[in-house]
Amino acid sequence: MKKLIATCALAFGLTSFSFAHGNAKHVMGTVESISAQSITVKTTANTSKMIAFSPQTRFIKSGAAAKAADLRKGDRVVIEAGTVNGKLQAESVRFGKAASKAMPIKHDMSGMKDMPKTSH
């Protein structure tokens, strides 16, 4: 009986999870521009998308509650958006700093000249 209840609870939980994301679209990329009403994102597919904000839009910066004013050009974003009147409208905007470009590694061999040579 416990297995049946656990199985039903799991099935119900997975079903409600799949409905939660229903028709939501995910937009990932970096902030190109931002205004009080919308954000323009350069997507990972190298296209620009404008997404409108609504009073219900939630902003999350590095896992903590935030506001639109905290967004900066260049921030990386993951936006969950619905379609309202044919236009994308943000339900949630998760963001953080863009990853810095990796520094090239220099191999300094100058200290190797005094090392004893080995034969293989």
PDB file of N, CA and C in Angstrom:
ATOM      1  N   MET A   1       0.819  -1.188   0.000  1.00  0.00           N
ATOM      2  CA  MET A   1       0.000   0.000   0.000  1.00  0.00           C
ATOM      3  C   MET A   1       0.865   1.256   0.000  1.00  0.00           C
ATOM      4  N   LYS A   2       1.982   1.228   0.764  1.00  0.00           N
ATOM      5  CA  LYS A   2       2.874   2.383   0.815  1.00  0.00           C
ATOM      6  C   LYS A   2       3.494   2.639  -0.557  1.00  0.00           C
ATOM      7  N   LYS A   3       3.830   1.548  -1.276  1.00  0.00           N
ATOM      8  CA  LYS A   3       4.403   1.704  -2.616  1.00  0.00           C
ATOM      9  C   LYS A   3       3.401   2.348  -3.562  1.00  0.00           C
ATOM     10  N   LEU A   4       2.144   1.953  -3.454  1.00  0.00           N
ATOM     11  CA  LEU A   4       1.100   2.520  -4.312  1.00  0.00           C
ATOM     12  C   LEU A   4       0.940   4.019  -4.050  1.00  0.00           C
ATOM     13  N   ILE A   5       0.925   4.396  -2.792  1.00  0.00           N
ATOM     14  CA  ILE A   5       0.786   5.811  -2.436  1.00  0.00           C
ATOM     15  C   ILE A   5       2.006   6.593  -2.925  1.00  0.00           C
ATOM     16  N   ALA A   6       3.196   6.034  -2.714  1.00  0.00           N
ATOM     17  CA  ALA A   6       4.413   6.710  -3.163  1.00  0.00           C
ATOM     18  C   ALA A   6       4.432   6.848  -4.679  1.00  0.00           C
ATOM     19  N   THR A   7       4.025   5.806  -5.391  1.00  0.00           N
ATOM     20  CA  THR A   7       3.990   5.846  -6.851  1.00  0.00           C
ATOM     21  C   THR A   7       2.994   6.896  -7.345  1.00  0.00           C
ATOM     22  N   CYS A   8       1.821   6.937  -6.735  1.00  0.00           N
ATOM     23  CA  CYS A   8       0.810   7.934  -7.119  1.00  0.00           C
ATOM     24  C   CYS A   8       1.315   9.350  -6.842  1.00  0.00           C
ATOM     25  N   ALA A   9       1.941   9.553  -5.698  1.00  0.00           N
ATOM     26  CA  ALA A   9       2.467  10.875  -5.354  1.00  0.00           C
ATOM     27  C   ALA A   9       3.541  11.305  -6.340  1.00  0.00           C
ATOM     28  N   LEU A  10       4.421  10.384  -6.719  1.00  0.00           N
ATOM     29  CA  LEU A  10       5.474  10.690  -7.681  1.00  0.00           C
ATOM     30  C   LEU A  10       4.879  11.026  -9.042  1.00  0.00           C
ATOM     31  N   ALA A  11       3.917  10.235  -9.486  1.00  0.00           N
ATOM     32  CA  ALA A  11       3.271  10.494 -10.778  1.00  0.00           C
ATOM     33  C   ALA A  11       2.574  11.845 -10.779  1.00  0.00           C
ATOM     34  N   PHE A  12       1.874  12.178  -9.694  1.00  0.00           N
ATOM     35  CA  PHE A  12       1.194  13.462  -9.591  1.00  0.00           C
ATOM     36  C   PHE A  12       2.207  14.602  -9.607  1.00  0.00           C
ATOM     37  N   GLY A  13       3.307  14.431  -8.883  1.00  0.00           N
ATOM     38  CA  GLY A  13       4.351  15.464  -8.829  1.00  0.00           C
ATOM     39  C   GLY A  13       4.981  15.708 -10.185  1.00  0.00           C
ATOM     40  N   LEU A  14       5.283  14.647 -10.918  1.00  0.00           N
ATOM     41  CA  LEU A  14       5.869  14.808 -12.243  1.00  0.00           C
ATOM     42  C   LEU A  14       4.886  15.437 -13.219  1.00  0.00           C
ATOM     43  N   THR A  15       3.630  15.094 -13.116  1.00  0.00           N
ATOM     44  CA  THR A  15       2.613  15.667 -13.994  1.00  0.00           C
ATOM     45  C   THR A  15       2.478  17.155 -13.743  1.00  0.00           C
ATOM     46  N   SER A  16       2.412  17.572 -12.494  1.00  0.00           N
ATOM     47  CA  SER A  16       2.261  18.999 -12.201  1.00  0.00           C
ATOM     48  C   SER A  16       3.519  19.762 -12.593  1.00  0.00           C
ATOM     49  N   PHE A  17       4.683  19.134 -12.491  1.00  0.00           N
ATOM     50  CA  PHE A  17       5.929  19.777 -12.906  1.00  0.00           C
ATOM     51  C   PHE A  17       5.913  20.040 -14.402  1.00  0.00           C
ATOM     52  N   SER A  18       5.471  19.068 -15.182  1.00  0.00           N
ATOM     53  CA  SER A  18       5.470  19.251 -16.629  1.00  0.00           C
ATOM     54  C   SER A  18       4.468  20.316 -17.049  1.00  0.00           C
ATOM     55  N   PHE A  19       3.351  20.462 -16.338  1.00  0.00           N
ATOM     56  CA  PHE A  19       2.392  21.511 -16.661  1.00  0.00           C
ATOM     57  C   PHE A  19       2.912  22.882 -16.251  1.00  0.00           C
ATOM     58  N   ALA A  20       3.776  22.943 -15.247  1.00  0.00           N
ATOM     59  CA  ALA A  20       4.276  24.226 -14.768  1.00  0.00           C
ATOM     60  C   ALA A  20       5.035  24.961 -15.862  1.00  0.00           C
ATOM     61  N   HIS A  21       5.745  24.241 -16.731  1.00  0.00           N
ATOM     62  CA  HIS A  21       6.507  24.878 -17.786  1.00  0.00           C
ATOM     63  C   HIS A  21       5.735  24.943 -19.093  1.00  0.00           C
ATOM     64  N   GLY A  22       4.564  24.344 -19.153  1.00  0.00           N
ATOM     65  CA  GLY A  22       3.662  24.374 -20.287  1.00  0.00           C
ATOM     66  C   GLY A  22       4.236  24.901 -21.576  1.00  0.00           C
ATOM     67  N   ASN A  23       3.861  26.127 -21.937  1.00  0.00           N
ATOM     68  CA  ASN A  23       4.289  26.731 -23.187  1.00  0.00           C
ATOM     69  C   ASN A  23       5.428  27.721 -23.006  1.00  0.00           C
ATOM     70  N   ALA A  24       6.080  27.706 -21.860  1.00  0.00           N
ATOM     71  CA  ALA A  24       7.158  28.657 -21.591  1.00  0.00           C
ATOM     72  C   ALA A  24       8.317  28.440 -22.549  1.00  0.00           C
ATOM     73  N   LYS A  25       8.905  29.542 -22.963  1.00  0.00           N
ATOM     74  CA  LYS A  25      10.093  29.505 -23.808  1.00  0.00           C
ATOM     75  C   LYS A  25      11.276  29.948 -22.956  1.00  0.00           C
ATOM     76  N   HIS A  26      12.419  29.358 -23.213  1.00  0.00           N
ATOM     77  CA  HIS A  26      13.633  29.725 -22.494  1.00  0.00           C
ATOM     78  C   HIS A  26      14.533  30.512 -23.430  1.00  0.00           C
ATOM     79  N   VAL A  27      14.966  31.664 -22.966  1.00  0.00           N
ATOM     80  CA  VAL A  27      15.888  32.505 -23.730  1.00  0.00           C
ATOM     81  C   VAL A  27      17.155  32.615 -22.895  1.00  0.00           C
ATOM     82  N   MET A  28      18.284  32.189 -23.480  1.00  0.00           N
ATOM     83  CA  MET A  28      19.564  32.244 -22.778  1.00  0.00           C
ATOM     84  C   MET A  28      20.536  33.082 -23.588  1.00  0.00           C
ATOM     85  N   GLY A  29      21.334  33.878 -22.889  1.00  0.00           N
ATOM     86  CA  GLY A  29      22.330  34.693 -23.572  1.00  0.00           C
ATOM     87  C   GLY A  29      22.843  35.784 -22.661  1.00  0.00           C
ATOM     88  N   THR A  30      23.290  36.894 -23.280  1.00  0.00           N
ATOM     89  CA  THR A  30      23.805  38.022 -22.515  1.00  0.00           C
ATOM     90  C   THR A  30      22.974  39.270 -22.811  1.00  0.00           C
ATOM     91  N   VAL A  31      22.891  40.146 -21.820  1.00  0.00           N
ATOM     92  CA  VAL A  31      22.097  41.363 -21.938  1.00  0.00           C
ATOM     93  C   VAL A  31      22.775  42.320 -22.922  1.00  0.00           C
ATOM     94  N   GLU A  32      22.027  42.695 -23.972  1.00  0.00           N
ATOM     95  CA  GLU A  32      22.508  43.718 -24.917  1.00  0.00           C
ATOM     96  C   GLU A  32      22.065  45.093 -24.467  1.00  0.00           C
ATOM     97  N   SER A  33      20.789  45.199 -24.073  1.00  0.00           N
ATOM     98  CA  SER A  33      20.253  46.464 -23.570  1.00  0.00           C
ATOM     99  C   SER A  33      19.087  46.168 -22.645  1.00  0.00           C
ATOM    100  N   ILE A  34      18.760  47.169 -21.831  1.00  0.00           N
ATOM    101  CA  ILE A  34      17.679  46.994 -20.861  1.00  0.00           C
ATOM    102  C   ILE A  34      16.979  48.327 -20.646  1.00  0.00           C
ATOM    103  N   SER A  35      15.672  48.262 -20.463  1.00  0.00           N
ATOM    104  CA  SER A  35      14.880  49.440 -20.109  1.00  0.00           C
ATOM    105  C   SER A  35      13.954  49.034 -18.970  1.00  0.00           C
ATOM    106  N   ALA A  36      13.129  49.945 -18.513  1.00  0.00           N
ATOM    107  CA  ALA A  36      12.191  49.626 -17.438  1.00  0.00           C
ATOM    108  C   ALA A  36      11.118  48.646 -17.895  1.00  0.00           C
ATOM    109  N   GLN A  37      10.869  48.589 -19.217  1.00  0.00           N
ATOM    110  CA  GLN A  37       9.795  47.750 -19.740  1.00  0.00           C
ATOM    111  C   GLN A  37      10.255  46.452 -20.395  1.00  0.00           C
ATOM    112  N   SER A  38      11.543  46.367 -20.786  1.00  0.00           N
ATOM    113  CA  SER A  38      11.984  45.185 -21.533  1.00  0.00           C
ATOM    114  C   SER A  38      13.489  44.990 -21.466  1.00  0.00           C
ATOM    115  N   ILE A  39      13.894  43.847 -21.988  1.00  0.00           N
ATOM    116  CA  ILE A  39      15.310  43.491 -22.066  1.00  0.00           C
ATOM    117  C   ILE A  39      15.562  42.933 -23.467  1.00  0.00           C
ATOM    118  N   THR A  40      16.725  43.255 -24.015  1.00  0.00           N
ATOM    119  CA  THR A  40      17.140  42.668 -25.286  1.00  0.00           C
ATOM    120  C   THR A  40      18.342  41.785 -25.001  1.00  0.00           C
ATOM    121  N   VAL A  41      18.229  40.528 -25.447  1.00  0.00           N
ATOM    122  CA  VAL A  41      19.239  39.515 -25.149  1.00  0.00           C
ATOM    123  C   VAL A  41      19.889  39.042 -26.440  1.00  0.00           C
ATOM    124  N   LYS A  42      21.220  38.970 -26.426  1.00  0.00           N
ATOM    125  CA  LYS A  42      21.938  38.322 -27.525  1.00  0.00           C
ATOM    126  C   LYS A  42      21.998  36.847 -27.132  1.00  0.00           C
ATOM    127  N   THR A  43      21.269  36.024 -27.878  1.00  0.00           N
ATOM    128  CA  THR A  43      21.118  34.618 -27.501  1.00  0.00           C
ATOM    129  C   THR A  43      22.362  33.812 -27.819  1.00  0.00           C
ATOM    130  N   THR A  44      22.377  32.587 -27.323  1.00  0.00           N
ATOM    131  CA  THR A  44      23.485  31.681 -27.602  1.00  0.00           C
ATOM    132  C   THR A  44      23.523  31.311 -29.081  1.00  0.00           C
ATOM    133  N   ALA A  45      22.414  31.521 -29.813  1.00  0.00           N
ATOM    134  CA  ALA A  45      22.356  31.276 -31.258  1.00  0.00           C
ATOM    135  C   ALA A  45      22.767  32.536 -32.032  1.00  0.00           C
ATOM    136  N   ASN A  46      23.287  33.545 -31.324  1.00  0.00           N
ATOM    137  CA  ASN A  46      23.786  34.780 -31.914  1.00  0.00           C
ATOM    138  C   ASN A  46      22.684  35.612 -32.585  1.00  0.00           C
ATOM    139  N   THR A  47      21.481  35.581 -32.033  1.00  0.00           N
ATOM    140  CA  THR A  47      20.390  36.432 -32.499  1.00  0.00           C
ATOM    141  C   THR A  47      19.961  37.324 -31.343  1.00  0.00           C
ATOM    142  N   SER A  48      19.246  38.393 -31.642  1.00  0.00           N
ATOM    143  CA  SER A  48      18.743  39.287 -30.600  1.00  0.00           C
ATOM    144  C   SER A  48      17.260  39.041 -30.387  1.00  0.00           C
ATOM    145  N   LYS A  49      16.870  38.970 -29.120  1.00  0.00           N
ATOM    146  CA  LYS A  49      15.455  38.795 -28.759  1.00  0.00           C
ATOM    147  C   LYS A  49      15.091  39.850 -27.735  1.00  0.00           C
ATOM    148  N   MET A  50      13.933  40.493 -27.952  1.00  0.00           N
ATOM    149  CA  MET A  50      13.421  41.436 -26.971  1.00  0.00           C
ATOM    150  C   MET A  50      12.313  40.747 -26.182  1.00  0.00           C
ATOM    151  N   ILE A  51      12.397  40.844 -24.863  1.00  0.00           N
ATOM    152  CA  ILE A  51      11.412  40.240 -23.976  1.00  0.00           C
ATOM    153  C   ILE A  51      10.875  41.344 -23.069  1.00  0.00           C
ATOM    154  N   ALA A  52       9.558  41.473 -23.014  1.00  0.00           N
ATOM    155  CA  ALA A  52       8.920  42.494 -22.175  1.00  0.00           C
ATOM    156  C   ALA A  52       8.843  42.021 -20.726  1.00  0.00           C
ATOM    157  N   PHE A  53       8.820  42.979 -19.805  1.00  0.00           N
ATOM    158  CA  PHE A  53       8.581  42.704 -18.396  1.00  0.00           C
ATOM    159  C   PHE A  53       7.106  42.940 -18.091  1.00  0.00           C
ATOM    160  N   SER A  54       6.630  42.330 -17.032  1.00  0.00           N
ATOM    161  CA  SER A  54       5.290  42.605 -16.512  1.00  0.00           C
ATOM    162  C   SER A  54       5.440  42.844 -15.013  1.00  0.00           C
ATOM    163  N   PRO A  55       4.405  43.322 -14.352  1.00  0.00           N
ATOM    164  CA  PRO A  55       4.491  43.495 -12.901  1.00  0.00           C
ATOM    165  C   PRO A  55       4.750  42.170 -12.161  1.00  0.00           C
ATOM    166  N   GLN A  56       4.416  41.042 -12.811  1.00  0.00           N
ATOM    167  CA  GLN A  56       4.604  39.734 -12.170  1.00  0.00           C
ATOM    168  C   GLN A  56       5.991  39.124 -12.452  1.00  0.00           C
ATOM    169  N   THR A  57       6.800  39.746 -13.302  1.00  0.00           N
ATOM    170  CA  THR A  57       8.123  39.197 -13.622  1.00  0.00           C
ATOM    171  C   THR A  57       8.967  39.120 -12.354  1.00  0.00           C
ATOM    172  N   ARG A  58       9.565  37.937 -12.127  1.00  0.00           N
ATOM    173  CA  ARG A  58      10.456  37.734 -10.971  1.00  0.00           C
ATOM    174  C   ARG A  58      11.893  37.843 -11.455  1.00  0.00           C
ATOM    175  N   PHE A  59      12.739  38.486 -10.664  1.00  0.00           N
ATOM    176  CA  PHE A  59      14.149  38.648 -10.980  1.00  0.00           C
ATOM    177  C   PHE A  59      14.965  37.936  -9.913  1.00  0.00           C
ATOM    178  N   ILE A  60      15.908  37.109 -10.341  1.00  0.00           N
ATOM    179  CA  ILE A  60      16.736  36.334  -9.417  1.00  0.00           C
ATOM    180  C   ILE A  60      18.188  36.509  -9.834  1.00  0.00           C
ATOM    181  N   LYS A  61      18.981  37.122  -8.954  1.00  0.00           N
ATOM    182  CA  LYS A  61      20.404  37.340  -9.233  1.00  0.00           C
ATOM    183  C   LYS A  61      21.223  36.406  -8.366  1.00  0.00           C
ATOM    184  N   SER A  62      21.947  35.512  -9.011  1.00  0.00           N
ATOM    185  CA  SER A  62      22.803  34.551  -8.313  1.00  0.00           C
ATOM    186  C   SER A  62      22.054  33.834  -7.193  1.00  0.00           C
ATOM    187  N   GLY A  63      20.789  33.492  -7.427  1.00  0.00           N
ATOM    188  CA  GLY A  63      19.986  32.724  -6.486  1.00  0.00           C
ATOM    189  C   GLY A  63      19.196  33.540  -5.479  1.00  0.00           C
ATOM    190  N   ALA A  64      19.369  34.864  -5.457  1.00  0.00           N
ATOM    191  CA  ALA A  64      18.649  35.708  -4.497  1.00  0.00           C
ATOM    192  C   ALA A  64      17.684  36.638  -5.229  1.00  0.00           C
ATOM    193  N   ALA A  65      16.606  37.030  -4.538  1.00  0.00           N
ATOM    194  CA  ALA A  65      15.632  37.950  -5.128  1.00  0.00           C
ATOM    195  C   ALA A  65      16.324  39.252  -5.526  1.00  0.00           C
ATOM    196  N   ALA A  66      15.920  39.786  -6.669  1.00  0.00           N
ATOM    197  CA  ALA A  66      16.518  41.018  -7.187  1.00  0.00           C
ATOM    198  C   ALA A  66      15.439  41.827  -7.881  1.00  0.00           C
ATOM    199  N   LYS A  67      15.850  42.876  -8.582  1.00  0.00           N
ATOM    200  CA  LYS A  67      14.908  43.692  -9.353  1.00  0.00           C
ATOM    201  C   LYS A  67      15.544  44.031 -10.702  1.00  0.00           C
ATOM    202  N   ALA A  68      14.735  44.518 -11.627  1.00  0.00           N
ATOM    203  CA  ALA A  68      15.205  44.819 -12.981  1.00  0.00           C
ATOM    204  C   ALA A  68      16.379  45.792 -12.962  1.00  0.00           C
ATOM    205  N   ALA A  69      16.373  46.722 -12.044  1.00  0.00           N
ATOM    206  CA  ALA A  69      17.445  47.719 -11.956  1.00  0.00           C
ATOM    207  C   ALA A  69      18.806  47.092 -11.656  1.00  0.00           C
ATOM    208  N   ASP A  70      18.821  45.850 -11.166  1.00  0.00           N
ATOM    209  CA  ASP A  70      20.083  45.165 -10.867  1.00  0.00           C
ATOM    210  C   ASP A  70      20.741  44.591 -12.114  1.00  0.00           C
ATOM    211  N   LEU A  71      19.989  44.478 -13.211  1.00  0.00           N
ATOM    212  CA  LEU A  71      20.534  43.943 -14.462  1.00  0.00           C
ATOM    213  C   LEU A  71      21.506  44.930 -15.088  1.00  0.00           C
ATOM    214  N   ARG A  72      22.571  44.404 -15.698  1.00  0.00           N
ATOM    215  CA  ARG A  72      23.573  45.219 -16.368  1.00  0.00           C
ATOM    216  C   ARG A  72      23.871  44.643 -17.743  1.00  0.00           C
ATOM    217  N   LYS A  73      24.245  45.508 -18.659  1.00  0.00           N
ATOM    218  CA  LYS A  73      24.675  45.057 -19.978  1.00  0.00           C
ATOM    219  C   LYS A  73      25.839  44.083 -19.792  1.00  0.00           C
ATOM    220  N   GLY A  74      25.763  42.947 -20.495  1.00  0.00           N
ATOM    221  CA  GLY A  74      26.805  41.933 -20.383  1.00  0.00           C
ATOM    222  C   GLY A  74      26.501  40.820 -19.404  1.00  0.00           C
ATOM    223  N   ASP A  75      25.500  41.011 -18.522  1.00  0.00           N
ATOM    224  CA  ASP A  75      25.114  39.944 -17.597  1.00  0.00           C
ATOM    225  C   ASP A  75      24.583  38.757 -18.389  1.00  0.00           C
ATOM    226  N   ARG A  76      24.871  37.562 -17.911  1.00  0.00           N
ATOM    227  CA  ARG A  76      24.283  36.360 -18.509  1.00  0.00           C
ATOM    228  C   ARG A  76      22.909  36.166 -17.926  1.00  0.00           C
ATOM    229  N   VAL A  77      21.944  35.800 -18.792  1.00  0.00           N
ATOM    230  CA  VAL A  77      20.566  35.625 -18.340  1.00  0.00           C
ATOM    231  C   VAL A  77      19.973  34.322 -18.856  1.00  0.00           C
ATOM    232  N   VAL A  78      19.057  33.792 -18.060  1.00  0.00           N
ATOM    233  CA  VAL A  78      18.187  32.698 -18.480  1.00  0.00           C
ATOM    234  C   VAL A  78      16.784  33.202 -18.168  1.00  0.00           C
ATOM    235  N   ILE A  79      15.990  33.365 -19.221  1.00  0.00           N
ATOM    236  CA  ILE A  79      14.659  33.933 -19.067  1.00  0.00           C
ATOM    237  C   ILE A  79      13.619  32.892 -19.431  1.00  0.00           C
ATOM    238  N   GLU A  80      12.649  32.739 -18.559  1.00  0.00           N
ATOM    239  CA  GLU A  80      11.488  31.900 -18.845  1.00  0.00           C
ATOM    240  C   GLU A  80      10.374  32.871 -19.236  1.00  0.00           C
ATOM    241  N   ALA A  81       9.871  32.714 -20.465  1.00  0.00           N
ATOM    242  CA  ALA A  81       8.903  33.681 -20.982  1.00  0.00           C
ATOM    243  C   ALA A  81       7.698  32.993 -21.593  1.00  0.00           C
ATOM    244  N   GLY A  82       6.572  33.652 -21.473  1.00  0.00           N
ATOM    245  CA  GLY A  82       5.350  33.220 -22.137  1.00  0.00           C
ATOM    246  C   GLY A  82       5.080  34.156 -23.304  1.00  0.00           C
ATOM    247  N   THR A  83       4.065  33.846 -24.069  1.00  0.00           N
ATOM    248  CA  THR A  83       3.689  34.694 -25.192  1.00  0.00           C
ATOM    249  C   THR A  83       2.383  35.404 -24.861  1.00  0.00           C
ATOM    250  N   VAL A  84       2.395  36.728 -24.928  1.00  0.00           N
ATOM    251  CA  VAL A  84       1.218  37.545 -24.681  1.00  0.00           C
ATOM    252  C   VAL A  84       1.045  38.454 -25.895  1.00  0.00           C
ATOM    253  N   ASN A  85      -0.112  38.328 -26.563  1.00  0.00           N
ATOM    254  CA  ASN A  85      -0.396  39.104 -27.770  1.00  0.00           C
ATOM    255  C   ASN A  85       0.716  38.961 -28.815  1.00  0.00           C
ATOM    256  N   GLY A  86       1.251  37.753 -28.935  1.00  0.00           N
ATOM    257  CA  GLY A  86       2.271  37.468 -29.940  1.00  0.00           C
ATOM    258  C   GLY A  86       3.678  37.923 -29.588  1.00  0.00           C
ATOM    259  N   LYS A  87       3.871  38.464 -28.384  1.00  0.00           N
ATOM    260  CA  LYS A  87       5.195  38.942 -27.970  1.00  0.00           C
ATOM    261  C   LYS A  87       5.648  38.189 -26.722  1.00  0.00           C
ATOM    262  N   LEU A  88       6.966  38.024 -26.587  1.00  0.00           N
ATOM    263  CA  LEU A  88       7.516  37.347 -25.419  1.00  0.00           C
ATOM    264  C   LEU A  88       7.405  38.248 -24.193  1.00  0.00           C
ATOM    265  N   GLN A  89       6.946  37.653 -23.077  1.00  0.00           N
ATOM    266  CA  GLN A  89       6.850  38.377 -21.813  1.00  0.00           C
ATOM    267  C   GLN A  89       7.497  37.525 -20.727  1.00  0.00           C
ATOM    268  N   ALA A  90       8.449  38.112 -20.023  1.00  0.00           N
ATOM    269  CA  ALA A  90       9.231  37.388 -19.019  1.00  0.00           C
ATOM    270  C   ALA A  90       8.391  37.010 -17.807  1.00  0.00           C
ATOM    271  N   GLU A  91       8.470  35.736 -17.444  1.00  0.00           N
ATOM    272  CA  GLU A  91       7.892  35.264 -16.189  1.00  0.00           C
ATOM    273  C   GLU A  91       8.965  35.329 -15.105  1.00  0.00           C
ATOM    274  N   SER A  92      10.188  34.877 -15.466  1.00  0.00           N
ATOM    275  CA  SER A  92      11.314  34.969 -14.544  1.00  0.00           C
ATOM    276  C   SER A  92      12.583  35.276 -15.317  1.00  0.00           C
ATOM    277  N   VAL A  93      13.465  36.035 -14.668  1.00  0.00           N
ATOM    278  CA  VAL A  93      14.757  36.404 -15.249  1.00  0.00           C
ATOM    279  C   VAL A  93      15.818  36.032 -14.225  1.00  0.00           C
ATOM    280  N   ARG A  94      16.618  35.031 -14.554  1.00  0.00           N
ATOM    281  CA  ARG A  94      17.745  34.629 -13.690  1.00  0.00           C
ATOM    282  C   ARG A  94      19.007  35.177 -14.325  1.00  0.00           C
ATOM    283  N   PHE A  95      19.857  35.805 -13.505  1.00  0.00           N
ATOM    284  CA  PHE A  95      21.042  36.418 -14.090  1.00  0.00           C
ATOM    285  C   PHE A  95      22.210  36.455 -13.123  1.00  0.00           C
ATOM    286  N   GLY A  96      23.373  36.707 -13.706  1.00  0.00           N
ATOM    287  CA  GLY A  96      24.616  36.817 -12.969  1.00  0.00           C
ATOM    288  C   GLY A  96      25.663  37.423 -13.878  1.00  0.00           C
ATOM    289  N   LYS A  97      26.845  37.572 -13.380  1.00  0.00           N
ATOM    290  CA  LYS A  97      27.936  38.145 -14.153  1.00  0.00           C
ATOM    291  C   LYS A  97      28.330  37.217 -15.284  1.00  0.00           C
ATOM    292  N   ALA A  98      28.723  37.799 -16.398  1.00  0.00           N
ATOM    293  CA  ALA A  98      29.231  37.015 -17.528  1.00  0.00           C
ATOM    294  C   ALA A  98      30.578  36.434 -17.137  1.00  0.00           C
ATOM    295  N   ALA A  99      30.853  35.239 -17.611  1.00  0.00           N
ATOM    296  CA  ALA A  99      32.130  34.600 -17.324  1.00  0.00           C
ATOM    297  C   ALA A  99      33.236  35.398 -17.993  1.00  0.00           C
ATOM    298  N   SER A 100      34.328  35.591 -17.272  1.00  0.00           N
ATOM    299  CA  SER A 100      35.446  36.322 -17.867  1.00  0.00           C
ATOM    300  C   SER A 100      36.171  35.411 -18.846  1.00  0.00           C
ATOM    301  N   LYS A 101      36.805  36.032 -19.814  1.00  0.00           N
ATOM    302  CA  LYS A 101      37.537  35.248 -20.798  1.00  0.00           C
ATOM    303  C   LYS A 101      38.737  34.615 -20.118  1.00  0.00           C
ATOM    304  N   ALA A 102      39.016  33.388 -20.484  1.00  0.00           N
ATOM    305  CA  ALA A 102      40.125  32.660 -19.865  1.00  0.00           C
ATOM    306  C   ALA A 102      41.453  33.305 -20.238  1.00  0.00           C
ATOM    307  N   MET A 103      42.309  33.398 -19.257  1.00  0.00           N
ATOM    308  CA  MET A 103      43.644  33.936 -19.494  1.00  0.00           C
ATOM    309  C   MET A 103      44.497  32.831 -20.108  1.00  0.00           C
ATOM    310  N   PRO A 104      45.308  33.172 -21.107  1.00  0.00           N
ATOM    311  CA  PRO A 104      46.178  32.150 -21.681  1.00  0.00           C
ATOM    312  C   PRO A 104      47.231  31.728 -20.667  1.00  0.00           C
ATOM    313  N   ILE A 105      47.579  30.482 -20.698  1.00  0.00           N
ATOM    314  CA  ILE A 105      48.577  29.949 -19.780  1.00  0.00           C
ATOM    315  C   ILE A 105      49.947  30.109 -20.420  1.00  0.00           C
ATOM    316  N   LYS A 106      50.860  30.712 -19.675  1.00  0.00           N
ATOM    317  CA  LYS A 106      52.228  30.868 -20.165  1.00  0.00           C
ATOM    318  C   LYS A 106      53.063  29.770 -19.534  1.00  0.00           C
ATOM    319  N   HIS A 107      53.867  29.160 -20.336  1.00  0.00           N
ATOM    320  CA  HIS A 107      54.768  28.126 -19.842  1.00  0.00           C
ATOM    321  C   HIS A 107      56.156  28.730 -19.771  1.00  0.00           C
ATOM    322  N   ASP A 108      56.612  28.994 -18.564  1.00  0.00           N
ATOM    323  CA  ASP A 108      57.922  29.588 -18.364  1.00  0.00           C
ATOM    324  C   ASP A 108      58.946  28.473 -18.215  1.00  0.00           C
ATOM    325  N   MET A 109      59.782  28.330 -19.204  1.00  0.00           N
ATOM    326  CA  MET A 109      60.787  27.265 -19.200  1.00  0.00           C
ATOM    327  C   MET A 109      62.158  27.802 -18.820  1.00  0.00           C
ATOM    328  N   SER A 110      62.273  29.078 -18.451  1.00  0.00           N
ATOM    329  CA  SER A 110      63.581  29.680 -18.182  1.00  0.00           C
ATOM    330  C   SER A 110      64.307  29.003 -17.025  1.00  0.00           C
ATOM    331  N   GLY A 111      63.601  28.504 -16.055  1.00  0.00           N
ATOM    332  CA  GLY A 111      64.247  27.848 -14.921  1.00  0.00           C
ATOM    333  C   GLY A 111      64.675  26.423 -15.226  1.00  0.00           C
ATOM    334  N   MET A 112      64.379  25.925 -16.404  1.00  0.00           N
ATOM    335  CA  MET A 112      64.681  24.545 -16.754  1.00  0.00           C
ATOM    336  C   MET A 112      66.105  24.362 -17.267  1.00  0.00           C
ATOM    337  N   LYS A 113      66.832  25.455 -17.586  1.00  0.00           N
ATOM    338  CA  LYS A 113      68.156  25.317 -18.188  1.00  0.00           C
ATOM    339  C   LYS A 113      69.178  24.683 -17.244  1.00  0.00           C
ATOM    340  N   ASP A 114      68.975  24.820 -15.930  1.00  0.00           N
ATOM    341  CA  ASP A 114      69.914  24.261 -14.965  1.00  0.00           C
ATOM    342  C   ASP A 114      69.532  22.864 -14.510  1.00  0.00           C
ATOM    343  N   MET A 115      68.456  22.299 -15.050  1.00  0.00           N
ATOM    344  CA  MET A 115      68.010  20.975 -14.668  1.00  0.00           C
ATOM    345  C   MET A 115      68.921  19.926 -15.311  1.00  0.00           C
ATOM    346  N   PRO A 116      69.230  18.869 -14.585  1.00  0.00           N
ATOM    347  CA  PRO A 116      70.052  17.804 -15.194  1.00  0.00           C
ATOM    348  C   PRO A 116      69.287  17.117 -16.317  1.00  0.00           C
ATOM    349  N   LYS A 117      70.007  16.757 -17.355  1.00  0.00           N
ATOM    350  CA  LYS A 117      69.397  16.061 -18.485  1.00  0.00           C
ATOM    351  C   LYS A 117      69.323  14.593 -18.173  1.00  0.00           C
ATOM    352  N   THR A 118      68.234  13.992 -18.573  1.00  0.00           N
ATOM    353  CA  THR A 118      68.043  12.559 -18.364  1.00  0.00           C
ATOM    354  C   THR A 118      67.946  11.897 -19.729  1.00  0.00           C
ATOM    355  N   SER A 119      68.339  10.649 -19.762  1.00  0.00           N
ATOM    356  CA  SER A 119      68.200   9.904 -21.021  1.00  0.00           C
ATOM    357  C   SER A 119      67.056   8.931 -20.878  1.00  0.00           C
ATOM    358  N   HIS A 120      66.364   8.674 -21.950  1.00  0.00           N
ATOM    359  CA  HIS A 120      65.199   7.782 -21.929  1.00  0.00           C
ATOM    360  C   HIS A 120      65.553   6.502 -22.560  1.00  0.00           C
TER     361      HIS A 120
END
